[in-house]
Amino acid sequence: MRLPRRLRHGEEATLVEHLDELRQRLIVSLLALTATTTVTFVFHAHLVHWLESPLPAERRHLITFGVAEPFLTSFKISLMAGIGLALPILLWQLWSFLAPAFEEHSQRTVAVFVLFATVLLVAGVAFAYWLVLPSALGFLTHYDDTLYNVQIRARDYFSFALLVLMGVGVLFELPVFVLALVRLNVLTTGTLRRNRRLGYFLVFVVAVLLPGVDPVTTTLEGLPLVVLYEGTIWLAVLMERRWAAREVAAPEPL
């Protein structure tokens, strides 16, 4: 199967050619996802142990109910890990399909944003895995343990852990989202600075809506978002000045 060719900016193509390119990119994406999921399923025991590690040592004896639950739980973990591994390919196929609609300099700007977003996503997942999950699980799994026989169901635990990892990872994309709004002139840095308190309030509202309703998880998810929000404001100030200087320096069209 030949790989789809990326069109250049301004290059004309018929509707049939666009649909054929879309079909080819979907096939490439599905093949990549199948390959990565197969690999992660082969090593799913390591993934299970990796996800269990944030649990307190005495709570790592997970249980399952039902005949198919062990397989379905392992497959879900493998699929999520496979999507994570295939994500660069999936995003590249999506971007290659959309890129011809943007000018060359805009394509470079988007590429920088994507790289920045990737770094933030990895940082968010790492923060959730090494700080948020251990603290939250230590609190939750020992809460009133003198009153209850605490047994943790594998399916529920892995769903909780994956949602926390993904939720915190996505929330670490806040700087990219805000910078994009500033670049599109939807927001200004002056508005962000004047409405700091409202921004902090909204950040903690989002933290409350994340998986984990206990105060420990909510606080650990909210504090880095406040730091990110404040850092985003000053980064936006710097970038706004650079963008304004670049526009002033650009020659006016005749």
C-alpha atoms as a PDB file:
ATOM      1  CA  MET A   1       0.000   0.000   0.000  1.00  0.00           C
ATOM      2  CA  ARG A   2       1.438   3.360  -1.028  1.00  0.00           C
ATOM      3  CA  LEU A   3       1.561   6.056   1.615  1.00  0.00           C
ATOM      4  CA  PRO A   4      -0.673   9.090   1.023  1.00  0.00           C
ATOM      5  CA  ARG A   5       1.083  12.085  -0.490  1.00  0.00           C
ATOM      6  CA  ARG A   6       0.917  15.329   1.439  1.00  0.00           C
ATOM      7  CA  LEU A   7      -0.449  18.177  -0.659  1.00  0.00           C
ATOM      8  CA  ARG A   8       1.335  21.519  -0.806  1.00  0.00           C
ATOM      9  CA  HIS A   9      -0.318  24.746   0.279  1.00  0.00           C
ATOM     10  CA  GLY A  10      -2.527  26.039  -2.512  1.00  0.00           C
ATOM     11  CA  GLU A  11      -2.295  22.820  -4.528  1.00  0.00           C
ATOM     12  CA  GLU A  12      -5.657  22.033  -6.096  1.00  0.00           C
ATOM     13  CA  ALA A  13      -7.260  18.611  -5.786  1.00  0.00           C
ATOM     14  CA  THR A  14     -10.654  17.202  -6.647  1.00  0.00           C
ATOM     15  CA  LEU A  15     -13.157  15.998  -4.073  1.00  0.00           C
ATOM     16  CA  VAL A  16     -12.455  12.398  -5.083  1.00  0.00           C
ATOM     17  CA  GLU A  17      -8.715  12.923  -4.528  1.00  0.00           C
ATOM     18  CA  HIS A  18      -9.366  14.428  -1.081  1.00  0.00           C
ATOM     19  CA  LEU A  19     -11.601  11.505  -0.126  1.00  0.00           C
ATOM     20  CA  ASP A  20      -9.013   9.024  -1.407  1.00  0.00           C
ATOM     21  CA  GLU A  21      -6.305  10.736   0.665  1.00  0.00           C
ATOM     22  CA  LEU A  22      -8.572  10.663   3.720  1.00  0.00           C
ATOM     23  CA  ARG A  23      -9.252   6.954   3.192  1.00  0.00           C
ATOM     24  CA  GLN A  24      -5.543   6.182   2.922  1.00  0.00           C
ATOM     25  CA  ARG A  25      -4.707   8.172   6.053  1.00  0.00           C
ATOM     26  CA  LEU A  26      -7.451   6.385   8.001  1.00  0.00           C
ATOM     27  CA  ILE A  27      -6.042   3.036   6.884  1.00  0.00           C
ATOM     28  CA  VAL A  28      -2.528   4.055   7.965  1.00  0.00           C
ATOM     29  CA  SER A  29      -3.900   5.201  11.340  1.00  0.00           C
ATOM     30  CA  LEU A  30      -5.832   1.954  11.898  1.00  0.00           C
ATOM     31  CA  LEU A  31      -2.811  -0.166  10.954  1.00  0.00           C
ATOM     32  CA  ALA A  32      -0.606   1.814  13.329  1.00  0.00           C
ATOM     33  CA  LEU A  33      -3.148   1.467  16.146  1.00  0.00           C
ATOM     34  CA  THR A  34      -3.482  -2.278  15.511  1.00  0.00           C
ATOM     35  CA  ALA A  35       0.290  -2.729  15.586  1.00  0.00           C
ATOM     36  CA  THR A  36       0.829  -0.712  18.778  1.00  0.00           C
ATOM     37  CA  THR A  37      -2.102  -2.379  20.572  1.00  0.00           C
ATOM     38  CA  THR A  38      -0.745  -5.804  19.631  1.00  0.00           C
ATOM     39  CA  VAL A  39       2.634  -4.901  21.087  1.00  0.00           C
ATOM     40  CA  THR A  40       1.143  -3.493  24.290  1.00  0.00           C
ATOM     41  CA  PHE A  41      -1.083  -6.559  24.713  1.00  0.00           C
ATOM     42  CA  VAL A  42       1.966  -8.806  24.508  1.00  0.00           C
ATOM     43  CA  PHE A  43       3.515  -6.814  27.360  1.00  0.00           C
ATOM     44  CA  HIS A  44       0.271  -6.065  29.216  1.00  0.00           C
ATOM     45  CA  ALA A  45       1.522  -7.756  32.419  1.00  0.00           C
ATOM     46  CA  HIS A  46       4.219  -5.076  32.709  1.00  0.00           C
ATOM     47  CA  LEU A  47       1.596  -2.368  32.148  1.00  0.00           C
ATOM     48  CA  VAL A  48      -0.624  -3.828  34.855  1.00  0.00           C
ATOM     49  CA  HIS A  49       2.256  -3.858  37.353  1.00  0.00           C
ATOM     50  CA  TRP A  50       3.216  -0.308  36.330  1.00  0.00           C
ATOM     51  CA  LEU A  51      -0.310   0.957  36.966  1.00  0.00           C
ATOM     52  CA  GLU A  52      -0.493  -0.930  40.270  1.00  0.00           C
ATOM     53  CA  SER A  53       2.698   0.653  41.594  1.00  0.00           C
ATOM     54  CA  PRO A  54       1.047   3.883  42.910  1.00  0.00           C
ATOM     55  CA  LEU A  55      -1.170   1.754  45.162  1.00  0.00           C
ATOM     56  CA  PRO A  56       0.014   1.161  48.740  1.00  0.00           C
ATOM     57  CA  ALA A  57       1.827  -2.202  48.879  1.00  0.00           C
ATOM     58  CA  GLU A  58      -0.858  -3.818  51.030  1.00  0.00           C
ATOM     59  CA  ARG A  59      -3.625  -2.826  48.533  1.00  0.00           C
ATOM     60  CA  ARG A  60      -2.116  -4.316  45.363  1.00  0.00           C
ATOM     61  CA  HIS A  61      -4.118  -7.545  45.521  1.00  0.00           C
ATOM     62  CA  LEU A  62      -6.745  -6.567  42.954  1.00  0.00           C
ATOM     63  CA  ILE A  63      -9.812  -8.729  42.369  1.00  0.00           C
ATOM     64  CA  THR A  64     -12.054  -9.393  39.372  1.00  0.00           C
ATOM     65  CA  PHE A  65     -15.637 -10.622  39.006  1.00  0.00           C
ATOM     66  CA  GLY A  66     -16.961 -12.560  36.048  1.00  0.00           C
ATOM     67  CA  VAL A  67     -15.477 -14.896  33.491  1.00  0.00           C
ATOM     68  CA  ALA A  68     -14.442 -12.338  30.878  1.00  0.00           C
ATOM     69  CA  GLU A  69     -13.374  -9.506  33.182  1.00  0.00           C
ATOM     70  CA  PRO A  70      -9.646 -10.417  33.405  1.00  0.00           C
ATOM     71  CA  PHE A  71      -9.324 -10.461  29.602  1.00  0.00           C
ATOM     72  CA  LEU A  72     -11.441  -7.332  29.057  1.00  0.00           C
ATOM     73  CA  THR A  73      -9.541  -5.401  31.721  1.00  0.00           C
ATOM     74  CA  SER A  74      -6.149  -6.340  30.250  1.00  0.00           C
ATOM     75  CA  PHE A  75      -7.372  -5.534  26.735  1.00  0.00           C
ATOM     76  CA  LYS A  76      -8.640  -2.105  27.821  1.00  0.00           C
ATOM     77  CA  ILE A  77      -5.268  -1.281  29.354  1.00  0.00           C
ATOM     78  CA  SER A  78      -3.491  -2.515  26.206  1.00  0.00           C
ATOM     79  CA  LEU A  79      -5.789  -0.471  23.966  1.00  0.00           C
ATOM     80  CA  MET A  80      -5.238   2.727  25.941  1.00  0.00           C
ATOM     81  CA  ALA A  81      -1.477   2.179  25.911  1.00  0.00           C
ATOM     82  CA  GLY A  82      -1.655   1.381  22.185  1.00  0.00           C
ATOM     83  CA  ILE A  83      -3.467   4.655  21.515  1.00  0.00           C
ATOM     84  CA  GLY A  84      -0.767   6.474  23.482  1.00  0.00           C
ATOM     85  CA  LEU A  85       2.012   4.850  21.447  1.00  0.00           C
ATOM     86  CA  ALA A  86       0.235   5.447  18.145  1.00  0.00           C
ATOM     87  CA  LEU A  87      -0.720   9.031  19.013  1.00  0.00           C
ATOM     88  CA  PRO A  88       2.234  10.658  17.180  1.00  0.00           C
ATOM     89  CA  ILE A  89       1.309   8.761  13.994  1.00  0.00           C
ATOM     90  CA  LEU A  90      -2.391   9.537  14.396  1.00  0.00           C
ATOM     91  CA  LEU A  91      -1.722  13.247  14.929  1.00  0.00           C
ATOM     92  CA  TRP A  92       0.733  13.332  12.031  1.00  0.00           C
ATOM     93  CA  GLN A  93      -1.862  11.810   9.679  1.00  0.00           C
ATOM     94  CA  LEU A  94      -4.470  14.319  10.837  1.00  0.00           C
ATOM     95  CA  TRP A  95      -2.066  17.232  10.475  1.00  0.00           C
ATOM     96  CA  SER A  96      -0.877  16.076   7.040  1.00  0.00           C
ATOM     97  CA  PHE A  97      -4.482  16.088   5.854  1.00  0.00           C
ATOM     98  CA  LEU A  98      -5.207  19.575   7.252  1.00  0.00           C
ATOM     99  CA  ALA A  99      -1.804  21.245   6.665  1.00  0.00           C
ATOM    100  CA  PRO A 100      -2.397  22.271   2.996  1.00  0.00           C
ATOM    101  CA  ALA A 101      -5.091  24.692   4.228  1.00  0.00           C
ATOM    102  CA  PHE A 102      -2.418  26.681   6.110  1.00  0.00           C
ATOM    103  CA  GLU A 103       0.386  28.853   4.765  1.00  0.00           C
ATOM    104  CA  GLU A 104       3.980  27.713   5.255  1.00  0.00           C
ATOM    105  CA  HIS A 105       4.772  30.057   8.160  1.00  0.00           C
ATOM    106  CA  SER A 106       1.523  29.023   9.888  1.00  0.00           C
ATOM    107  CA  GLN A 107       2.517  25.380   9.506  1.00  0.00           C
ATOM    108  CA  ARG A 108       5.795  26.061  11.340  1.00  0.00           C
ATOM    109  CA  THR A 109       3.899  27.834  14.139  1.00  0.00           C
ATOM    110  CA  VAL A 110       1.522  24.887  14.520  1.00  0.00           C
ATOM    111  CA  ALA A 111       4.478  22.472  14.579  1.00  0.00           C
ATOM    112  CA  VAL A 112       6.033  24.411  17.484  1.00  0.00           C
ATOM    113  CA  PHE A 113       2.698  24.379  19.319  1.00  0.00           C
ATOM    114  CA  VAL A 114       2.386  20.617  18.820  1.00  0.00           C
ATOM    115  CA  LEU A 115       5.896  20.035  20.193  1.00  0.00           C
ATOM    116  CA  PHE A 116       5.140  22.250  23.196  1.00  0.00           C
ATOM    117  CA  ALA A 117       1.831  20.426  23.769  1.00  0.00           C
ATOM    118  CA  THR A 118       3.578  17.036  23.642  1.00  0.00           C
ATOM    119  CA  VAL A 119       6.099  18.076  26.293  1.00  0.00           C
ATOM    120  CA  LEU A 120       3.291  19.381  28.519  1.00  0.00           C
ATOM    121  CA  LEU A 121       1.274  16.190  28.072  1.00  0.00           C
ATOM    122  CA  VAL A 122       4.213  14.006  29.122  1.00  0.00           C
ATOM    123  CA  ALA A 123       4.869  16.300  32.089  1.00  0.00           C
ATOM    124  CA  GLY A 124       1.227  16.089  33.134  1.00  0.00           C
ATOM    125  CA  VAL A 125       1.119  12.290  32.979  1.00  0.00           C
ATOM    126  CA  ALA A 126       4.387  12.055  34.937  1.00  0.00           C
ATOM    127  CA  PHE A 127       3.097  14.473  37.574  1.00  0.00           C
ATOM    128  CA  ALA A 128      -0.130  12.487  37.938  1.00  0.00           C
ATOM    129  CA  TYR A 129       1.672   9.137  38.154  1.00  0.00           C
ATOM    130  CA  TRP A 130       4.405  10.048  40.647  1.00  0.00           C
ATOM    131  CA  LEU A 131       2.608  12.585  42.819  1.00  0.00           C
ATOM    132  CA  VAL A 132      -1.185  12.730  42.409  1.00  0.00           C
ATOM    133  CA  LEU A 133      -1.979   9.006  42.299  1.00  0.00           C
ATOM    134  CA  PRO A 134       0.215   7.821  45.221  1.00  0.00           C
ATOM    135  CA  SER A 135      -1.051  10.586  47.534  1.00  0.00           C
ATOM    136  CA  ALA A 136      -4.684  10.188  46.517  1.00  0.00           C
ATOM    137  CA  LEU A 137      -4.647   6.383  46.667  1.00  0.00           C
ATOM    138  CA  GLY A 138      -2.923   6.385  50.038  1.00  0.00           C
ATOM    139  CA  PHE A 139      -5.725   8.554  51.406  1.00  0.00           C
ATOM    140  CA  LEU A 140      -8.636   6.813  49.671  1.00  0.00           C
ATOM    141  CA  THR A 141      -7.675   3.193  50.257  1.00  0.00           C
ATOM    142  CA  HIS A 142      -7.027   3.718  53.985  1.00  0.00           C
ATOM    143  CA  TYR A 143     -10.038   5.899  54.676  1.00  0.00           C
ATOM    144  CA  ASP A 144     -12.202   4.200  57.334  1.00  0.00           C
ATOM    145  CA  ASP A 145     -10.356   0.938  56.769  1.00  0.00           C
ATOM    146  CA  THR A 146     -11.275  -0.066  60.324  1.00  0.00           C
ATOM    147  CA  LEU A 147     -14.933  -0.015  59.296  1.00  0.00           C
ATOM    148  CA  TYR A 148     -14.681  -1.747  55.921  1.00  0.00           C
ATOM    149  CA  ASN A 149     -13.024  -4.761  54.383  1.00  0.00           C
ATOM    150  CA  VAL A 150     -11.253  -2.828  51.657  1.00  0.00           C
ATOM    151  CA  GLN A 151     -10.961  -4.849  48.447  1.00  0.00           C
ATOM    152  CA  ILE A 152     -10.209  -3.114  45.182  1.00  0.00           C
ATOM    153  CA  ARG A 153     -11.744  -4.269  41.921  1.00  0.00           C
ATOM    154  CA  ALA A 154      -9.214  -4.282  39.085  1.00  0.00           C
ATOM    155  CA  ARG A 155     -11.602  -2.852  36.476  1.00  0.00           C
ATOM    156  CA  ASP A 156     -12.615   0.092  38.677  1.00  0.00           C
ATOM    157  CA  TYR A 157      -9.068   0.852  39.816  1.00  0.00           C
ATOM    158  CA  PHE A 158      -7.548   0.882  36.335  1.00  0.00           C
ATOM    159  CA  SER A 159     -10.393   3.051  35.031  1.00  0.00           C
ATOM    160  CA  PHE A 160      -9.756   5.512  37.870  1.00  0.00           C
ATOM    161  CA  ALA A 161      -5.973   5.511  37.367  1.00  0.00           C
ATOM    162  CA  LEU A 162      -6.197   5.973  33.585  1.00  0.00           C
ATOM    163  CA  LEU A 163      -8.737   8.785  33.920  1.00  0.00           C
ATOM    164  CA  VAL A 164      -6.507  10.624  36.409  1.00  0.00           C
ATOM    165  CA  LEU A 165      -3.469  10.226  34.154  1.00  0.00           C
ATOM    166  CA  MET A 166      -5.352  11.415  31.080  1.00  0.00           C
ATOM    167  CA  GLY A 167      -7.204  14.169  32.932  1.00  0.00           C
ATOM    168  CA  VAL A 168      -4.090  15.729  34.457  1.00  0.00           C
ATOM    169  CA  GLY A 169      -2.207  15.289  31.168  1.00  0.00           C
ATOM    170  CA  VAL A 170      -4.919  17.166  29.267  1.00  0.00           C
ATOM    171  CA  LEU A 171      -5.110  19.900  31.907  1.00  0.00           C
ATOM    172  CA  PHE A 172      -1.387  20.507  31.495  1.00  0.00           C
ATOM    173  CA  GLU A 173      -2.307  21.654  27.964  1.00  0.00           C
ATOM    174  CA  LEU A 174      -3.731  24.852  29.488  1.00  0.00           C
ATOM    175  CA  PRO A 175      -0.798  27.017  28.302  1.00  0.00           C
ATOM    176  CA  VAL A 176      -1.265  25.867  24.695  1.00  0.00           C
ATOM    177  CA  PHE A 177      -4.990  26.593  24.806  1.00  0.00           C
ATOM    178  CA  VAL A 178      -4.511  30.072  26.295  1.00  0.00           C
ATOM    179  CA  LEU A 179      -1.651  30.972  23.918  1.00  0.00           C
ATOM    180  CA  ALA A 180      -3.791  29.918  20.957  1.00  0.00           C
ATOM    181  CA  LEU A 181      -6.606  32.222  22.111  1.00  0.00           C
ATOM    182  CA  VAL A 182      -4.143  35.084  22.574  1.00  0.00           C
ATOM    183  CA  ARG A 183      -2.644  34.454  19.127  1.00  0.00           C
ATOM    184  CA  LEU A 184      -6.135  34.535  17.585  1.00  0.00           C
ATOM    185  CA  ASN A 185      -6.873  37.805  19.457  1.00  0.00           C
ATOM    186  CA  VAL A 186      -9.773  36.181  21.301  1.00  0.00           C
ATOM    187  CA  LEU A 187      -8.012  36.945  24.601  1.00  0.00           C
ATOM    188  CA  THR A 188      -5.481  39.565  25.603  1.00  0.00           C
ATOM    189  CA  THR A 189      -2.888  39.386  28.328  1.00  0.00           C
ATOM    190  CA  GLY A 190      -4.464  42.435  29.927  1.00  0.00           C
ATOM    191  CA  THR A 191      -7.746  40.546  30.303  1.00  0.00           C
ATOM    192  CA  LEU A 192      -5.936  37.555  31.790  1.00  0.00           C
ATOM    193  CA  ARG A 193      -4.134  39.695  34.363  1.00  0.00           C
ATOM    194  CA  ARG A 194      -7.239  41.629  35.347  1.00  0.00           C
ATOM    195  CA  ASN A 195      -9.247  38.427  35.865  1.00  0.00           C
ATOM    196  CA  ARG A 196      -6.705  36.379  37.812  1.00  0.00           C
ATOM    197  CA  ARG A 197      -9.119  35.570  40.643  1.00  0.00           C
ATOM    198  CA  LEU A 198     -11.778  34.366  38.256  1.00  0.00           C
ATOM    199  CA  GLY A 199      -9.142  32.259  36.489  1.00  0.00           C
ATOM    200  CA  TYR A 200      -8.032  30.672  39.762  1.00  0.00           C
ATOM    201  CA  PHE A 201     -11.644  29.900  40.641  1.00  0.00           C
ATOM    202  CA  LEU A 202     -12.285  28.258  37.263  1.00  0.00           C
ATOM    203  CA  VAL A 203      -9.083  26.241  37.601  1.00  0.00           C
ATOM    204  CA  PHE A 204     -10.218  24.771  40.914  1.00  0.00           C
ATOM    205  CA  VAL A 205     -13.685  24.104  39.486  1.00  0.00           C
ATOM    206  CA  VAL A 206     -12.041  22.060  36.745  1.00  0.00           C
ATOM    207  CA  ALA A 207      -9.932  20.241  39.362  1.00  0.00           C
ATOM    208  CA  VAL A 208     -13.096  19.331  41.275  1.00  0.00           C
ATOM    209  CA  LEU A 209     -14.652  17.928  38.089  1.00  0.00           C
ATOM    210  CA  LEU A 210     -11.655  15.655  37.494  1.00  0.00           C
ATOM    211  CA  PRO A 211     -11.697  12.000  38.630  1.00  0.00           C
ATOM    212  CA  GLY A 212     -11.185  11.799  42.367  1.00  0.00           C
ATOM    213  CA  VAL A 213     -13.683  13.594  44.573  1.00  0.00           C
ATOM    214  CA  ASP A 214     -11.541  13.487  47.697  1.00  0.00           C
ATOM    215  CA  PRO A 215      -9.830  16.685  48.917  1.00  0.00           C
ATOM    216  CA  VAL A 216      -6.319  15.261  48.513  1.00  0.00           C
ATOM    217  CA  THR A 217      -6.712  14.454  44.806  1.00  0.00           C
ATOM    218  CA  THR A 218      -8.543  17.712  44.108  1.00  0.00           C
ATOM    219  CA  THR A 219      -5.870  19.807  45.839  1.00  0.00           C
ATOM    220  CA  LEU A 220      -2.999  17.998  44.113  1.00  0.00           C
ATOM    221  CA  GLU A 221      -4.690  18.504  40.747  1.00  0.00           C
ATOM    222  CA  GLY A 222      -5.609  22.133  41.424  1.00  0.00           C
ATOM    223  CA  LEU A 223      -2.303  23.526  42.724  1.00  0.00           C
ATOM    224  CA  PRO A 224      -0.202  22.788  39.614  1.00  0.00           C
ATOM    225  CA  LEU A 225      -3.001  24.224  37.476  1.00  0.00           C
ATOM    226  CA  VAL A 226      -2.747  27.504  39.388  1.00  0.00           C
ATOM    227  CA  VAL A 227       1.006  27.550  38.782  1.00  0.00           C
ATOM    228  CA  LEU A 228       0.450  26.700  35.115  1.00  0.00           C
ATOM    229  CA  TYR A 229      -2.177  29.426  34.798  1.00  0.00           C
ATOM    230  CA  GLU A 230       0.117  32.050  36.306  1.00  0.00           C
ATOM    231  CA  GLY A 231       3.046  30.898  34.159  1.00  0.00           C
ATOM    232  CA  THR A 232       0.812  30.940  31.085  1.00  0.00           C
ATOM    233  CA  ILE A 233      -0.108  34.579  31.701  1.00  0.00           C
ATOM    234  CA  TRP A 234       3.534  35.680  31.705  1.00  0.00           C
ATOM    235  CA  LEU A 235       4.392  33.449  28.761  1.00  0.00           C
ATOM    236  CA  ALA A 236       1.466  34.971  26.875  1.00  0.00           C
ATOM    237  CA  VAL A 237       2.758  38.473  27.731  1.00  0.00           C
ATOM    238  CA  LEU A 238       6.154  37.583  26.254  1.00  0.00           C
ATOM    239  CA  MET A 239       4.709  35.972  23.128  1.00  0.00           C
ATOM    240  CA  GLU A 240       2.189  38.769  22.582  1.00  0.00           C
ATOM    241  CA  ARG A 241       5.008  41.316  22.550  1.00  0.00           C
ATOM    242  CA  ARG A 242       7.018  39.193  20.100  1.00  0.00           C
ATOM    243  CA  TRP A 243       4.031  38.738  17.793  1.00  0.00           C
ATOM    244  CA  ALA A 244       3.250  42.471  17.909  1.00  0.00           C
ATOM    245  CA  ALA A 245       6.882  43.363  17.129  1.00  0.00           C
ATOM    246  CA  ARG A 246       6.910  40.899  14.222  1.00  0.00           C
ATOM    247  CA  GLU A 247       3.728  42.393  12.764  1.00  0.00           C
ATOM    248  CA  VAL A 248       5.146  45.920  13.023  1.00  0.00           C
ATOM    249  CA  ALA A 249       8.382  44.831  11.338  1.00  0.00           C
ATOM    250  CA  ALA A 250       6.545  43.022   8.528  1.00  0.00           C
ATOM    251  CA  PRO A 251       6.397  45.047   5.271  1.00  0.00           C
ATOM    252  CA  GLU A 252       2.968  46.340   4.328  1.00  0.00           C
ATOM    253  CA  PRO A 253       1.438  44.812   1.182  1.00  0.00           C
ATOM    254  CA  LEU A 254       1.394  47.053  -1.864  1.00  0.00           C
END
